Amino acid sequence: MCQLLGMNCATPTDFNFSFRGFARRGGETDKHEHGWGLAIYEGNGLRTFLDDSPAAESQVAAFIEGYPIKTLNMMAHIRYATQGKVALENVHPFQREMVRLVMALALAFCSLHSFASVSGCSHFVF
């Protein structure tokens, strides 16, 4: 079962602290070591980062953890492969464009583990 981290804020917010802790779950403090992904909305654009290595060991994740990006919306996914091979094409979130609107989507069969609302931001961990 995969895990998701989502953040939806009223003002642009730095998500690095939340992502840093979540990335540790990708192979260091939890078993979700089969890849990870991150989607960040910047205005009307969508920036995605994907890697099939464990998030806790990924150089791409380390770069993101140290890079100050502020956003209103972000979604991160760490994969525990129960089906399909460990490969980049099986990592979420993926993006789709519909009527000139780019959307980030992640699929996970999971339950809501925690929800927090802090200073105008909603954090979801599935």
Protein backbone atom coordinates (compact mmCIF):
# COMPACT_ATOMS: atom_id res chain seq x y z
CA MET A 1 0.00 0.00 0.00
CA CYS A 2 1.36 3.40 -0.97
CA GLN A 3 1.25 6.59 1.06
CA LEU A 4 0.32 10.13 0.04
CA LEU A 5 1.11 13.53 1.52
CA GLY A 6 -0.94 16.51 0.41
CA MET A 7 -0.89 20.19 1.27
CA ASN A 8 -3.43 22.86 0.33
CA CYS A 9 -2.74 26.40 1.61
CA ALA A 10 -4.37 29.82 1.49
CA THR A 11 -1.00 31.53 0.90
CA PRO A 12 2.18 30.21 -0.77
CA THR A 13 3.92 28.01 1.78
CA ASP A 14 7.27 26.23 2.01
CA PHE A 15 6.53 22.49 2.26
CA ASN A 16 10.13 21.31 2.77
CA PHE A 17 9.75 20.37 6.45
CA SER A 18 6.73 18.17 5.76
CA PHE A 19 8.31 16.62 2.66
CA ARG A 20 11.58 15.90 4.48
CA GLY A 21 9.78 13.83 7.14
CA PHE A 22 7.62 12.10 4.54
CA ALA A 23 10.63 11.19 2.39
CA ARG A 24 12.23 9.41 5.38
CA ARG A 25 9.26 7.02 5.30
CA GLY A 26 10.41 6.02 1.80
CA GLY A 27 12.90 3.36 2.87
CA GLU A 28 14.41 4.66 6.12
CA THR A 29 11.64 4.63 8.75
CA ASP A 30 9.07 2.64 6.75
CA LYS A 31 8.94 0.06 3.97
CA HIS A 32 7.80 2.32 1.11
CA GLU A 33 11.05 2.05 -0.84
CA HIS A 34 9.85 1.40 -4.40
CA GLY A 35 9.91 4.93 -5.75
CA TRP A 36 8.36 8.28 -5.05
CA GLY A 37 6.94 11.36 -6.73
CA LEU A 38 6.03 14.96 -6.04
CA ALA A 39 3.73 17.41 -7.83
CA ILE A 40 3.83 21.15 -7.12
CA TYR A 41 1.54 23.73 -8.63
CA GLU A 42 3.26 26.98 -9.57
CA GLY A 43 0.61 29.38 -10.75
CA ASN A 44 -1.18 27.54 -13.58
CA GLY A 45 1.81 25.28 -14.17
CA LEU A 46 2.56 21.88 -12.69
CA ARG A 47 6.09 20.81 -11.79
CA THR A 48 6.61 17.08 -11.15
CA PHE A 49 9.55 15.13 -9.81
CA LEU A 50 9.64 11.32 -10.07
CA ASP A 51 12.24 8.74 -9.05
CA ASP A 52 12.18 4.94 -8.84
CA SER A 53 14.75 4.85 -6.04
CA PRO A 54 13.76 5.05 -2.35
CA ALA A 55 12.88 8.62 -1.35
CA ALA A 56 15.12 8.36 1.71
CA GLU A 57 18.14 7.70 -0.57
CA SER A 58 17.20 9.77 -3.62
CA GLN A 59 19.47 12.59 -4.74
CA VAL A 60 16.45 14.24 -6.37
CA ALA A 61 14.55 14.19 -3.05
CA ALA A 62 17.61 15.61 -1.28
CA PHE A 63 17.71 18.46 -3.81
CA ILE A 64 14.01 19.23 -3.24
CA GLU A 65 14.43 19.10 0.55
CA GLY A 66 17.03 21.86 0.33
CA TYR A 67 15.38 23.96 -2.36
CA PRO A 68 12.94 26.62 -1.05
CA ILE A 69 9.80 26.18 -3.14
CA LYS A 70 6.59 27.88 -2.01
CA THR A 71 3.25 26.67 -3.33
CA LEU A 72 -0.46 26.65 -2.61
CA ASN A 73 -0.85 22.96 -3.47
CA MET A 74 1.45 19.96 -3.42
CA MET A 75 1.10 16.20 -3.48
CA ALA A 76 3.77 13.60 -2.69
CA HIS A 77 3.58 9.82 -3.10
CA ILE A 78 5.84 7.04 -1.82
CA ARG A 79 5.39 3.58 -3.34
CA TYR A 80 5.27 0.14 -1.81
CA ALA A 81 5.06 -2.16 -4.83
CA THR A 82 2.42 -4.85 -4.50
CA GLN A 83 1.87 -5.05 -8.26
CA GLY A 84 4.07 -4.13 -11.19
CA LYS A 85 7.82 -3.81 -11.30
CA VAL A 86 9.83 -1.15 -9.53
CA ALA A 87 10.21 1.30 -12.40
CA LEU A 88 9.76 4.97 -13.16
CA GLU A 89 6.56 4.36 -15.17
CA ASN A 90 4.86 2.97 -12.02
CA VAL A 91 5.60 5.97 -9.79
CA HIS A 92 2.92 8.58 -9.02
CA PRO A 93 1.77 11.31 -9.16
CA PHE A 94 1.19 11.42 -12.85
CA GLN A 95 -0.25 14.34 -14.75
CA ARG A 96 -3.06 14.67 -17.23
CA GLU A 97 -4.30 17.65 -19.21
CA MET A 98 -7.99 18.19 -19.71
CA VAL A 99 -9.46 21.29 -21.36
CA ARG A 100 -6.13 23.13 -20.99
CA LEU A 101 -6.04 22.39 -17.25
CA VAL A 102 -3.10 20.29 -16.06
CA MET A 103 -3.94 18.02 -13.13
CA ALA A 104 -1.81 15.88 -10.85
CA LEU A 105 -3.24 12.53 -9.86
CA ALA A 106 -2.07 9.79 -7.54
CA LEU A 107 -3.74 6.49 -6.92
CA ALA A 108 -3.43 4.68 -3.63
CA PHE A 109 -5.57 2.18 -1.81
CA CYS A 110 -5.23 3.52 1.68
CA SER A 111 -6.99 5.04 4.64
CA LEU A 112 -6.59 8.51 6.11
CA HIS A 113 -3.83 8.34 8.73
CA SER A 114 -3.78 11.96 9.79
CA PHE A 115 -5.06 15.39 8.93
CA ALA A 116 -3.84 18.70 10.30
CA SER A 117 -4.71 22.30 9.61
CA VAL A 118 -1.94 24.69 10.56
CA SER A 119 -1.89 28.43 9.84
CA GLY A 120 -4.08 28.32 6.75
CA CYS A 121 -2.69 25.03 5.39
CA SER A 122 -4.33 21.65 5.32
CA HIS A 123 -1.96 18.65 5.48
CA PHE A 124 -3.18 15.18 4.59
CA VAL A 125 -1.25 11.97 5.11
CA PHE A 126 -2.82 8.84 3.66
